[in-house]
Every structure is written in C-alpha cells, then in structure tokens.
Amino acid sequence: IHGLGNKWRFLTRGKLGASLAKTIDDIPFSKRFFAGGDNSIRGYMLDQLGPKDSNGTVIGGRFLAVGSLELERKIWGNWSGAVFYDVGNAFDTEHGSFVTHGIGFGIRWLSPVGTVRIDLASALSFTDTPWRLHIVVGPEL
C-alpha cells in the first residue's frame, strides 16, 4: 500500500505458488492451484481458472502466478472508490493454460470490523462473460 497524498492510495498484491510434484496426477485435487474469485482474479468465479482436462473441466495446476494493481481515492469519511486490474492464472506444463485478465471498479467502506469491498469486475479473457459482483469483508486487497 503506497499513499499518494491525502486522498489517493496505490495497492498491489502478488501471489506465487509452486509444487515439486512431477505431474499433476501426483497432487491431490484439494492441494492443486486454482485462480479466480474475490481474492484472486476478479471478474471470474472462484477457482474458475487453471489447466483443463480434455473435457474442459478445470483440474488445477502445479504453479500459480496472480497479481493485482488497484488505485483508490478517498471520497467521504470512511468511504472510497477504486479501480483495479488483476492478472494471472494457475499453470501446468502438461495441460494448456494462458494468462487471464480482469478489470473493474468498486467502493470501499472502512467499517469497525474491517474493510468492506464491493466490486464490479469484467473477465477480459473470456468473451460474452457478464460483469461479476464481488463482496469481501476483511483485509485490504
């Protein structure tokens, strides 16, 4: 989090992961990497992104690389507005994966129990995907 004067902030987030397993089949499904959702790449459903099998089902990956850039401006009191860009995916060398992108905007409320984020996001990497609503209570970005 980087302050840009009294009203502006620039927030970044990155998440990297890797498994030492030689193949995806050596990793239990619950331990594989997936991307997408409120705290990953907004604009996509939770765990919607990652390598797929021959049926088109997301099976997870051995690697993860996800990042976010967010610009926030204080509006009034404990309220602020934000615009953001998310990028990344879960990957595996055996199954095809590609870098996905999401953009959006939202409002923030610094409540007594933590920041409440309400975001509208678009999945740029998929055509004909509706905007998704993401609501999170907890730590910033």
C-alpha atoms as a PDB file:
ATOM      1  CA  ILE A   1       0.000   0.000   0.000  1.00  0.00           C
ATOM      2  CA  HIS A   2       1.514   3.287  -1.102  1.00  0.00           C
ATOM      3  CA  GLY A   3      -0.019   6.622  -0.104  1.00  0.00           C
ATOM      4  CA  LEU A   4      -0.279   9.233  -2.845  1.00  0.00           C
ATOM      5  CA  GLY A   5      -1.156  12.351  -0.880  1.00  0.00           C
ATOM      6  CA  ASN A   6      -4.127  12.625   1.476  1.00  0.00           C
ATOM      7  CA  LYS A   7      -6.807  11.097  -0.746  1.00  0.00           C
ATOM      8  CA  TRP A   8      -5.110   8.591  -3.047  1.00  0.00           C
ATOM      9  CA  ARG A   9      -3.576   5.155  -2.443  1.00  0.00           C
ATOM     10  CA  PHE A  10      -1.953   2.628  -4.754  1.00  0.00           C
ATOM     11  CA  LEU A  11      -2.291  -1.017  -3.667  1.00  0.00           C
ATOM     12  CA  THR A  12      -0.503  -4.047  -5.099  1.00  0.00           C
ATOM     13  CA  ARG A  13      -0.825  -7.747  -4.396  1.00  0.00           C
ATOM     14  CA  GLY A  14       1.051 -10.742  -5.724  1.00  0.00           C
ATOM     15  CA  LYS A  15       0.753 -14.444  -5.113  1.00  0.00           C
ATOM     16  CA  LEU A  16       3.132 -17.130  -6.388  1.00  0.00           C
ATOM     17  CA  GLY A  17       2.983 -20.858  -5.790  1.00  0.00           C
ATOM     18  CA  ALA A  18       4.747 -23.976  -6.996  1.00  0.00           C
ATOM     19  CA  SER A  19       4.565 -27.687  -6.349  1.00  0.00           C
ATOM     20  CA  LEU A  20       7.545 -30.005  -6.546  1.00  0.00           C
ATOM     21  CA  ALA A  21       5.402 -32.854  -7.886  1.00  0.00           C
ATOM     22  CA  LYS A  22       6.456 -34.152 -11.299  1.00  0.00           C
ATOM     23  CA  THR A  23       2.917 -34.419 -12.677  1.00  0.00           C
ATOM     24  CA  ILE A  24      -0.469 -33.002 -11.772  1.00  0.00           C
ATOM     25  CA  ASP A  25      -1.665 -36.537 -11.028  1.00  0.00           C
ATOM     26  CA  ASP A  26       0.777 -36.676  -8.095  1.00  0.00           C
ATOM     27  CA  ILE A  27      -1.083 -33.828  -6.345  1.00  0.00           C
ATOM     28  CA  PRO A  28      -4.420 -34.393  -4.571  1.00  0.00           C
ATOM     29  CA  PHE A  29      -7.173 -32.272  -6.111  1.00  0.00           C
ATOM     30  CA  SER A  30      -7.564 -30.232  -2.903  1.00  0.00           C
ATOM     31  CA  LYS A  31      -3.858 -29.248  -2.979  1.00  0.00           C
ATOM     32  CA  ARG A  32      -3.723 -28.037  -6.590  1.00  0.00           C
ATOM     33  CA  PHE A  33      -3.585 -24.366  -7.532  1.00  0.00           C
ATOM     34  CA  PHE A  34      -6.641 -22.595  -8.950  1.00  0.00           C
ATOM     35  CA  ALA A  35      -7.276 -18.935  -9.777  1.00  0.00           C
ATOM     36  CA  GLY A  36     -10.312 -16.689  -9.986  1.00  0.00           C
ATOM     37  CA  GLY A  37     -12.617 -15.117  -7.426  1.00  0.00           C
ATOM     38  CA  ASP A  38     -12.791 -12.307  -4.872  1.00  0.00           C
ATOM     39  CA  ASN A  39      -9.191 -12.551  -3.641  1.00  0.00           C
ATOM     40  CA  SER A  40      -7.622 -13.715  -6.883  1.00  0.00           C
ATOM     41  CA  ILE A  41      -8.620 -12.546 -10.366  1.00  0.00           C
ATOM     42  CA  ARG A  42     -11.879 -10.647 -10.070  1.00  0.00           C
ATOM     43  CA  GLY A  43     -14.355 -10.987 -12.919  1.00  0.00           C
ATOM     44  CA  TYR A  44     -14.166 -14.785 -12.717  1.00  0.00           C
ATOM     45  CA  MET A  45     -15.879 -17.272 -10.418  1.00  0.00           C
ATOM     46  CA  LEU A  46     -13.988 -18.819  -7.522  1.00  0.00           C
ATOM     47  CA  ASP A  47     -11.473 -21.387  -8.846  1.00  0.00           C
ATOM     48  CA  GLN A  48     -12.772 -20.996 -12.419  1.00  0.00           C
ATOM     49  CA  LEU A  49      -9.257 -20.627 -13.834  1.00  0.00           C
ATOM     50  CA  GLY A  50      -6.471 -23.131 -14.339  1.00  0.00           C
ATOM     51  CA  PRO A  51      -5.455 -26.009 -16.570  1.00  0.00           C
ATOM     52  CA  LYS A  52      -8.311 -28.046 -18.047  1.00  0.00           C
ATOM     53  CA  ASP A  53      -8.649 -31.702 -18.950  1.00  0.00           C
ATOM     54  CA  SER A  54      -9.836 -32.969 -22.342  1.00  0.00           C
ATOM     55  CA  ASN A  55     -13.470 -32.439 -21.258  1.00  0.00           C
ATOM     56  CA  GLY A  56     -12.864 -28.757 -20.481  1.00  0.00           C
ATOM     57  CA  THR A  57     -13.063 -29.252 -16.701  1.00  0.00           C
ATOM     58  CA  VAL A  58     -10.657 -27.145 -14.630  1.00  0.00           C
ATOM     59  CA  ILE A  59      -8.327 -29.618 -12.898  1.00  0.00           C
ATOM     60  CA  GLY A  60      -5.893 -27.225 -11.209  1.00  0.00           C
ATOM     61  CA  GLY A  61      -2.221 -26.647 -11.747  1.00  0.00           C
ATOM     62  CA  ARG A  62       1.207 -27.178 -10.248  1.00  0.00           C
ATOM     63  CA  PHE A  63       2.038 -23.464 -10.417  1.00  0.00           C
ATOM     64  CA  LEU A  64       0.278 -20.192  -9.594  1.00  0.00           C
ATOM     65  CA  ALA A  65       1.051 -16.588 -10.526  1.00  0.00           C
ATOM     66  CA  VAL A  66      -1.531 -13.893  -9.724  1.00  0.00           C
ATOM     67  CA  GLY A  67      -1.175 -10.130  -9.308  1.00  0.00           C
ATOM     68  CA  SER A  68      -3.363  -7.074  -8.736  1.00  0.00           C
ATOM     69  CA  LEU A  69      -2.975  -3.323  -9.125  1.00  0.00           C
ATOM     70  CA  GLU A  70      -5.534  -1.035  -7.508  1.00  0.00           C
ATOM     71  CA  LEU A  71      -5.909   2.740  -7.350  1.00  0.00           C
ATOM     72  CA  GLU A  72      -8.129   4.006  -4.547  1.00  0.00           C
ATOM     73  CA  ARG A  73      -9.411   7.521  -3.811  1.00  0.00           C
ATOM     74  CA  LYS A  74     -10.999   8.655  -0.570  1.00  0.00           C
ATOM     75  CA  ILE A  75     -14.448  10.099  -1.277  1.00  0.00           C
ATOM     76  CA  TRP A  76     -16.032  10.985   2.055  1.00  0.00           C
ATOM     77  CA  GLY A  77     -15.471   9.905   5.650  1.00  0.00           C
ATOM     78  CA  ASN A  78     -14.706   6.176   5.675  1.00  0.00           C
ATOM     79  CA  TRP A  79     -15.775   5.710   2.025  1.00  0.00           C
ATOM     80  CA  SER A  80     -13.539   5.447  -1.027  1.00  0.00           C
ATOM     81  CA  GLY A  81     -13.730   4.383  -4.666  1.00  0.00           C
ATOM     82  CA  ALA A  82     -11.314   2.151  -6.548  1.00  0.00           C
ATOM     83  CA  VAL A  83     -10.357   0.893  -9.996  1.00  0.00           C
ATOM     84  CA  PHE A  84      -8.321  -2.278 -10.444  1.00  0.00           C
ATOM     85  CA  TYR A  85      -6.568  -4.659 -12.815  1.00  0.00           C
ATOM     86  CA  ASP A  86      -5.967  -8.339 -11.963  1.00  0.00           C
ATOM     87  CA  VAL A  87      -3.811 -10.757 -13.961  1.00  0.00           C
ATOM     88  CA  GLY A  88      -2.511 -14.337 -13.770  1.00  0.00           C
ATOM     89  CA  ASN A  89      -3.635 -17.959 -13.677  1.00  0.00           C
ATOM     90  CA  ALA A  90      -2.824 -21.424 -12.368  1.00  0.00           C
ATOM     91  CA  PHE A  91      -0.475 -23.284 -14.713  1.00  0.00           C
ATOM     92  CA  ASP A  92       0.819 -26.732 -15.556  1.00  0.00           C
ATOM     93  CA  THR A  93       3.242 -27.894 -18.241  1.00  0.00           C
ATOM     94  CA  GLU A  94       1.108 -30.918 -19.173  1.00  0.00           C
ATOM     95  CA  HIS A  95      -2.140 -29.045 -19.811  1.00  0.00           C
ATOM     96  CA  GLY A  96      -2.556 -25.735 -21.593  1.00  0.00           C
ATOM     97  CA  SER A  97      -3.073 -22.550 -19.587  1.00  0.00           C
ATOM     98  CA  PHE A  98      -2.939 -18.899 -20.506  1.00  0.00           C
ATOM     99  CA  VAL A  99      -2.643 -15.603 -18.677  1.00  0.00           C
ATOM    100  CA  THR A 100      -6.069 -14.157 -17.825  1.00  0.00           C
ATOM    101  CA  HIS A 101      -7.023 -10.547 -17.130  1.00  0.00           C
ATOM    102  CA  GLY A 102      -9.789  -8.836 -15.183  1.00  0.00           C
ATOM    103  CA  ILE A 103     -10.649  -5.173 -14.659  1.00  0.00           C
ATOM    104  CA  GLY A 104     -13.226  -3.361 -12.619  1.00  0.00           C
ATOM    105  CA  PHE A 105     -14.217  -0.719 -10.134  1.00  0.00           C
ATOM    106  CA  GLY A 106     -15.701  -0.645  -6.675  1.00  0.00           C
ATOM    107  CA  ILE A 107     -16.381   1.116  -3.426  1.00  0.00           C
ATOM    108  CA  ARG A 108     -14.709   0.632  -0.058  1.00  0.00           C
ATOM    109  CA  TRP A 109     -16.034   1.236   3.448  1.00  0.00           C
ATOM    110  CA  LEU A 110     -13.695   1.157   6.415  1.00  0.00           C
ATOM    111  CA  SER A 111     -16.086  -0.450   8.918  1.00  0.00           C
ATOM    112  CA  PRO A 112     -15.447  -1.250  12.595  1.00  0.00           C
ATOM    113  CA  VAL A 113     -14.843  -4.921  11.631  1.00  0.00           C
ATOM    114  CA  GLY A 114     -12.546  -4.250   8.669  1.00  0.00           C
ATOM    115  CA  THR A 115     -12.725  -3.010   5.120  1.00  0.00           C
ATOM    116  CA  VAL A 116     -15.856  -3.874   3.143  1.00  0.00           C
ATOM    117  CA  ARG A 117     -15.107  -4.117  -0.600  1.00  0.00           C
ATOM    118  CA  ILE A 118     -17.908  -4.122  -3.169  1.00  0.00           C
ATOM    119  CA  ASP A 119     -16.547  -4.569  -6.697  1.00  0.00           C
ATOM    120  CA  LEU A 120     -17.916  -4.989 -10.206  1.00  0.00           C
ATOM    121  CA  ALA A 121     -15.433  -6.792 -12.447  1.00  0.00           C
ATOM    122  CA  SER A 122     -15.178  -7.908 -16.044  1.00  0.00           C
ATOM    123  CA  ALA A 123     -13.359 -11.033 -17.230  1.00  0.00           C
ATOM    124  CA  LEU A 124     -11.365  -9.678 -20.165  1.00  0.00           C
ATOM    125  CA  SER A 125     -10.040 -13.061 -21.282  1.00  0.00           C
ATOM    126  CA  PHE A 126     -13.441 -14.661 -21.934  1.00  0.00           C
ATOM    127  CA  THR A 127     -15.896 -13.298 -24.474  1.00  0.00           C
ATOM    128  CA  ASP A 128     -19.557 -12.827 -23.591  1.00  0.00           C
ATOM    129  CA  THR A 129     -18.870 -13.014 -19.851  1.00  0.00           C
ATOM    130  CA  PRO A 130     -21.158 -10.848 -17.701  1.00  0.00           C
ATOM    131  CA  TRP A 131     -19.790  -8.453 -15.120  1.00  0.00           C
ATOM    132  CA  ARG A 132     -19.461 -10.142 -11.721  1.00  0.00           C
ATOM    133  CA  LEU A 133     -20.233  -8.704  -8.301  1.00  0.00           C
ATOM    134  CA  HIS A 134     -17.594  -9.378  -5.630  1.00  0.00           C
ATOM    135  CA  ILE A 135     -18.231  -8.563  -1.948  1.00  0.00           C
ATOM    136  CA  VAL A 136     -15.475  -9.064   0.627  1.00  0.00           C
ATOM    137  CA  VAL A 137     -15.196  -8.153   4.314  1.00  0.00           C
ATOM    138  CA  GLY A 138     -11.685  -8.307   5.685  1.00  0.00           C
ATOM    139  CA  PRO A 139      -8.145  -7.203   4.939  1.00  0.00           C
ATOM    140  CA  GLU A 140      -7.418  -4.792   2.145  1.00  0.00           C
ATOM    141  CA  LEU A 141      -6.616  -6.282  -1.239  1.00  0.00           C
END
